[in-house]
Protein backbone atom coordinates (compact mmCIF):
# COMPACT_ATOMS: atom_id res chain seq x y z
CA MET A 1 101.15 96.26 115.58
CA ARG A 2 103.44 99.07 116.52
CA SER A 3 107.08 99.15 117.46
CA LYS A 4 109.78 101.76 117.00
CA ASP A 5 110.79 100.48 113.62
CA ARG A 6 107.45 99.13 112.32
CA VAL A 7 103.72 100.00 112.21
CA GLU A 8 101.09 97.79 110.84
CA VAL A 9 97.48 98.74 110.51
CA GLU A 10 94.35 97.14 108.80
CA LEU A 11 91.92 99.89 107.63
CA GLU A 12 88.30 99.84 106.31
CA SER A 13 87.59 100.89 102.72
CA ASN A 14 86.50 104.34 103.30
CA LEU A 15 87.84 108.00 103.08
CA LYS A 16 88.25 108.22 106.86
CA SER A 17 90.89 105.44 106.52
CA VAL A 18 92.61 107.55 103.84
CA ASP A 19 92.97 110.33 106.41
CA THR A 20 94.14 107.88 109.10
CA ALA A 21 96.80 106.34 106.90
CA GLU A 22 98.15 109.84 106.02
CA GLU A 23 98.36 110.82 109.65
CA VAL A 24 100.04 107.55 110.66
CA ALA A 25 102.56 107.84 107.83
CA ARG A 26 103.46 111.52 108.75
CA ASP A 27 103.85 110.57 112.37
CA PHE A 28 105.96 107.55 111.62
CA ALA A 29 108.12 109.53 109.09
CA LYS A 30 108.78 112.15 111.84
CA SER A 31 109.65 109.54 114.42
CA ALA A 32 112.15 107.94 111.87
CA GLY A 33 113.85 111.22 111.63
CA PHE A 34 112.86 112.50 108.15
CA GLU A 35 112.80 116.30 107.47
CA GLU A 36 109.46 117.99 107.45
CA GLU A 37 109.39 118.38 103.66
CA ASP A 38 110.01 114.62 103.25
CA GLU A 39 107.33 113.90 105.99
CA GLU A 40 104.91 115.89 103.78
CA LYS A 41 105.93 113.92 100.58
CA ILE A 42 105.63 110.59 102.38
CA ALA A 43 102.20 111.47 103.79
CA LEU A 44 100.92 112.64 100.39
CA ALA A 45 102.22 109.54 98.74
CA VAL A 46 100.51 107.30 101.25
CA ARG A 47 97.32 109.32 100.89
CA GLU A 48 97.42 108.79 97.08
CA ALA A 49 98.14 105.10 97.35
CA MET A 50 95.42 104.61 100.07
CA VAL A 51 92.90 106.38 97.86
CA ASN A 52 93.73 104.02 95.15
CA ALA A 53 93.41 100.99 97.42
CA VAL A 54 90.00 101.94 98.91
CA TYR A 55 88.46 103.50 95.79
CA HIS A 56 89.92 101.74 92.69
CA GLY A 57 90.84 98.53 94.38
CA ASN A 58 88.31 97.77 97.13
CA GLN A 59 85.62 100.09 95.56
CA TYR A 60 84.51 101.27 99.05
CA ASP A 61 83.25 97.61 99.73
CA ARG A 62 82.66 97.40 103.50
CA ASN A 63 83.78 93.65 103.44
CA LYS A 64 87.24 94.58 102.07
CA ARG A 65 90.20 95.94 104.01
CA ALA A 66 93.40 97.94 103.06
CA GLY A 67 96.63 97.26 104.88
CA LEU A 68 99.22 99.77 105.68
CA ARG A 69 102.71 98.90 106.82
CA LEU A 70 105.52 101.30 107.53
CA GLU A 71 108.98 100.02 108.46
CA VAL A 72 112.61 101.26 108.62
CA GLU A 73 115.01 99.05 106.69
CA ASN A 74 118.63 100.19 106.47
CA HIS A 75 117.53 103.66 107.52
CA ASN A 76 115.15 104.00 104.68
CA LEU A 77 111.41 104.12 105.03
CA VAL A 78 109.53 101.26 103.34
CA ILE A 79 105.74 101.53 103.03
CA THR A 80 103.52 98.75 101.83
CA ILE A 81 99.80 99.27 101.06
CA THR A 82 97.55 96.43 100.09
CA ASP A 83 94.01 96.11 98.92
CA GLN A 84 91.64 93.19 98.09
CA GLY A 85 90.51 94.46 94.62
CA PRO A 86 91.09 92.98 91.24
CA GLY A 87 94.64 94.36 90.81
CA PHE A 88 96.32 96.38 88.06
CA GLU A 89 99.57 96.63 86.16
CA LEU A 90 101.72 99.74 86.57
CA THR A 91 102.36 99.77 82.88
CA SER A 92 98.61 100.11 82.19
CA ILE A 93 98.33 103.45 83.91
CA PRO A 94 97.92 106.23 81.27
CA ASP A 95 100.36 109.14 81.41
CA PRO A 96 98.58 111.99 83.09
CA LEU A 97 100.77 114.58 81.14
CA ALA A 98 99.60 113.25 77.83
CA GLU A 99 97.34 115.82 76.03
CA GLU A 100 94.28 113.56 75.99
CA ASN A 101 94.64 113.07 79.87
CA LEU A 102 95.32 116.65 80.99
CA LEU A 103 91.69 117.52 81.80
CA LYS A 104 90.73 114.17 83.25
CA GLN A 105 89.71 114.25 86.99
CA THR A 106 91.61 111.01 87.85
CA GLY A 107 94.84 109.29 86.85
CA ARG A 108 97.43 111.37 88.80
CA GLY A 109 97.96 109.22 91.90
CA ILE A 110 100.77 107.06 90.64
CA PHE A 111 102.40 110.15 88.96
CA LEU A 112 102.44 111.90 92.29
CA ILE A 113 103.69 108.87 94.17
CA ARG A 114 106.54 108.56 91.74
CA SER A 115 107.41 112.21 92.23
CA PHE A 116 107.34 111.95 96.09
CA MET A 117 109.05 108.69 96.69
CA ASP A 118 112.42 107.17 95.52
CA GLU A 119 111.00 103.79 94.55
CA ILE A 120 107.59 102.31 93.74
CA HIS A 121 106.89 98.68 93.13
CA VAL A 122 103.49 97.14 92.32
CA ARG A 123 102.55 93.48 92.30
CA ARG A 124 99.35 91.54 92.09
CA LEU A 125 98.51 89.35 95.05
CA SER A 126 96.95 85.94 94.83
CA PRO A 127 94.04 85.21 94.47
CA GLN A 128 93.29 89.01 94.15
CA GLY A 129 94.45 92.28 95.46
CA THR A 130 97.36 94.69 94.88
CA GLU A 131 100.50 95.51 96.87
CA VAL A 132 102.08 98.86 96.47
CA ARG A 133 105.55 99.11 97.96
CA MET A 134 107.09 102.64 98.15
CA ILE A 135 110.61 103.47 99.43
CA LYS A 136 111.90 106.84 100.63
CA TYR A 137 115.66 106.86 101.06
CA ALA A 138 117.02 108.38 104.23
CA ALA A 139 118.83 111.65 103.68
CA PRO A 140 122.51 111.55 104.66
CA LYS A 141 123.19 113.40 107.81
CA ASN A 142 125.43 116.48 107.43
CA GLY A 143 126.10 115.52 103.78
CA LYS A 144 127.55 112.12 104.66
CA GLU A 145 126.21 108.59 104.40
CA ASP A 146 125.93 106.62 107.68
């Protein structure tokens, strides 16, 4: 589904879908009026969340899908990514800056998402799956709120 204020895509659980999600997010952010720097942050946050969905959540299972929804709400960009995996708790993610985690190859995705986006919310879906909801606030135009 695609409209001016909303895009919804169902993707396969593979790395090509990660690239597709990143591209769709960058294009949507641009069309929503975000500056180039924010477009890149949004695209990278979507990439990280989609990697988590297809790799950690769906474990590259061909029978499972990942969902991507981008929409504008009150001038802010709201991005929702879903998977069909076992789910996780945000509080269970180890701190990637802790000394014992510095050299690990994984574990930085949520950290990066938090640094690129203004809000992140994670909830388990029933009977299984995870929903990651990210929000990027619209920058005030000419230093003023709309």
